[in-house]
Amino acid sequence: GKAEGRKSSRATTTRAARMADDGNSTKRLKTSDDDRLISELRRRNAELESEIEQLRRRGRQDELEAEKLRRENEQLRGRGKHEVLPVIFATTVDLSRIDTSLVNQISSFLGTSR
């Protein structure tokens, strides 16, 4: 009597705990296939979350590297911004040491083409 009633009540509770909603508000018994599917989906979700975290870390590292390269580039560009200084050739010739024979010899070379 009483013991069987408790046993039946417990079986009903267990069955209710194993009921699954199929999305159409229809209750059905949860199967071991459901458990495997849920387990697989949880495993895949954990894999994807791990991959997302790795990509975020890599993205942060790439951003730091890009910033370092931008600073380096700016420094190198700055090296090219030197002021251009004028070049002045200041040569003096002591004309007192030139005689006519030297002028004639230089003149003869200027008219000669090789």
Protein backbone atom coordinates (compact mmCIF):
# COMPACT_ATOMS: atom_id res chain seq x y z
CA GLY A 1 0.00 0.00 0.00
CA LYS A 2 1.83 2.94 1.42
CA ALA A 3 5.31 1.85 0.34
CA GLU A 4 4.15 1.25 -3.23
CA GLY A 5 2.58 4.73 -3.32
CA ARG A 6 5.87 6.32 -2.29
CA LYS A 7 7.75 4.24 -4.85
CA SER A 8 5.33 5.29 -7.60
CA SER A 9 5.62 8.94 -6.54
CA ARG A 10 9.42 8.72 -6.67
CA ALA A 11 9.32 7.17 -10.17
CA THR A 12 7.06 9.97 -11.36
CA THR A 13 9.47 12.60 -9.97
CA THR A 14 12.41 10.91 -11.69
CA ARG A 15 10.49 10.71 -14.96
CA ALA A 16 9.49 14.38 -14.64
CA ALA A 17 13.13 15.33 -14.03
CA ARG A 18 14.09 13.53 -17.22
CA MET A 19 11.44 15.26 -19.35
CA ALA A 20 12.76 17.47 -22.14
CA ASP A 21 11.03 20.27 -23.98
CA ASP A 22 11.19 19.78 -27.74
CA GLY A 23 10.48 23.44 -28.44
CA ASN A 24 6.79 22.95 -29.22
CA SER A 25 5.80 22.87 -25.56
CA THR A 26 5.43 19.11 -25.91
CA LYS A 27 7.11 17.14 -23.18
CA ARG A 28 8.96 13.94 -24.01
CA LEU A 29 11.38 11.72 -22.14
CA LYS A 30 14.98 12.91 -22.25
CA THR A 31 17.09 10.31 -24.00
CA SER A 32 20.75 9.39 -23.74
CA ASP A 33 21.09 10.91 -27.24
CA ASP A 34 20.01 14.23 -25.72
CA ASP A 35 22.66 13.83 -23.03
CA ARG A 36 25.33 13.10 -25.63
CA LEU A 37 24.25 16.06 -27.74
CA ILE A 38 24.25 18.40 -24.76
CA SER A 39 27.67 17.13 -23.74
CA GLU A 40 29.04 17.61 -27.27
CA LEU A 41 27.57 21.12 -27.51
CA ARG A 42 29.08 22.09 -24.15
CA ARG A 43 32.47 20.71 -25.20
CA ARG A 44 32.34 22.60 -28.52
CA ASN A 45 31.23 25.78 -26.75
CA ALA A 46 34.23 25.51 -24.39
CA GLU A 47 36.54 25.03 -27.41
CA LEU A 48 35.12 28.10 -29.12
CA GLU A 49 35.40 30.23 -25.98
CA SER A 50 39.04 29.16 -25.64
CA GLU A 51 39.70 30.02 -29.29
CA ILE A 52 38.05 33.43 -28.85
CA GLU A 53 40.29 34.17 -25.86
CA GLN A 54 43.40 33.16 -27.83
CA LEU A 55 42.35 35.43 -30.71
CA ARG A 56 41.76 38.32 -28.30
CA ARG A 57 45.22 37.83 -26.79
CA ARG A 58 46.80 37.66 -30.25
CA GLY A 59 44.88 40.78 -31.27
CA ARG A 60 46.21 42.67 -28.24
CA GLN A 61 49.75 41.51 -29.03
CA ASP A 62 49.32 42.60 -32.67
CA GLU A 63 48.06 46.01 -31.52
CA LEU A 64 51.10 46.45 -29.27
CA GLU A 65 53.46 45.42 -32.07
CA ALA A 66 51.74 47.80 -34.51
CA GLU A 67 52.05 50.68 -32.03
CA LYS A 68 55.75 49.89 -31.54
CA LEU A 69 56.28 49.91 -35.32
CA ARG A 70 54.39 53.21 -35.67
CA ARG A 71 56.66 54.84 -33.06
CA GLU A 72 59.74 53.40 -34.75
CA ASN A 73 58.51 54.67 -38.12
CA GLU A 74 57.98 58.17 -36.72
CA GLN A 75 61.51 58.16 -35.30
CA LEU A 76 62.95 57.10 -38.64
CA ARG A 77 60.94 59.74 -40.48
CA GLY A 78 62.26 62.36 -38.07
CA ARG A 79 65.81 61.45 -39.08
CA GLY A 80 65.08 62.57 -42.62
CA LYS A 81 63.94 66.04 -41.58
CA HIS A 82 67.37 67.61 -41.31
CA GLU A 83 67.87 71.19 -42.27
CA VAL A 84 69.66 71.47 -45.60
CA LEU A 85 72.75 73.55 -45.13
CA PRO A 86 74.14 75.53 -48.06
CA VAL A 87 77.49 74.41 -49.42
CA ILE A 88 79.91 77.25 -50.05
CA PHE A 89 83.11 76.70 -51.95
CA ALA A 90 85.57 79.33 -50.96
CA THR A 91 88.75 79.00 -52.91
CA THR A 92 91.36 81.66 -53.31
CA VAL A 93 93.96 81.77 -55.99
CA ASP A 94 97.19 83.63 -55.56
CA LEU A 95 97.51 85.21 -59.00
CA SER A 96 100.95 86.61 -58.24
CA ARG A 97 102.43 83.12 -58.76
CA ILE A 98 100.98 82.56 -62.24
CA ASP A 99 103.26 83.40 -65.15
CA THR A 100 102.42 83.58 -68.83
CA SER A 101 103.90 80.18 -69.70
CA LEU A 102 101.51 78.45 -67.27
CA VAL A 103 98.53 80.36 -68.68
CA ASN A 104 99.56 79.35 -72.24
CA GLN A 105 99.88 75.68 -71.21
CA ILE A 106 96.43 75.64 -69.52
CA SER A 107 94.90 77.39 -72.50
CA SER A 108 96.29 74.77 -74.86
CA PHE A 109 94.64 72.01 -72.85
CA LEU A 110 91.27 73.78 -72.83
CA GLY A 111 91.12 73.81 -76.63
CA THR A 112 92.08 70.11 -76.94
CA SER A 113 89.41 67.42 -76.97
CA ARG A 114 90.19 63.80 -76.31
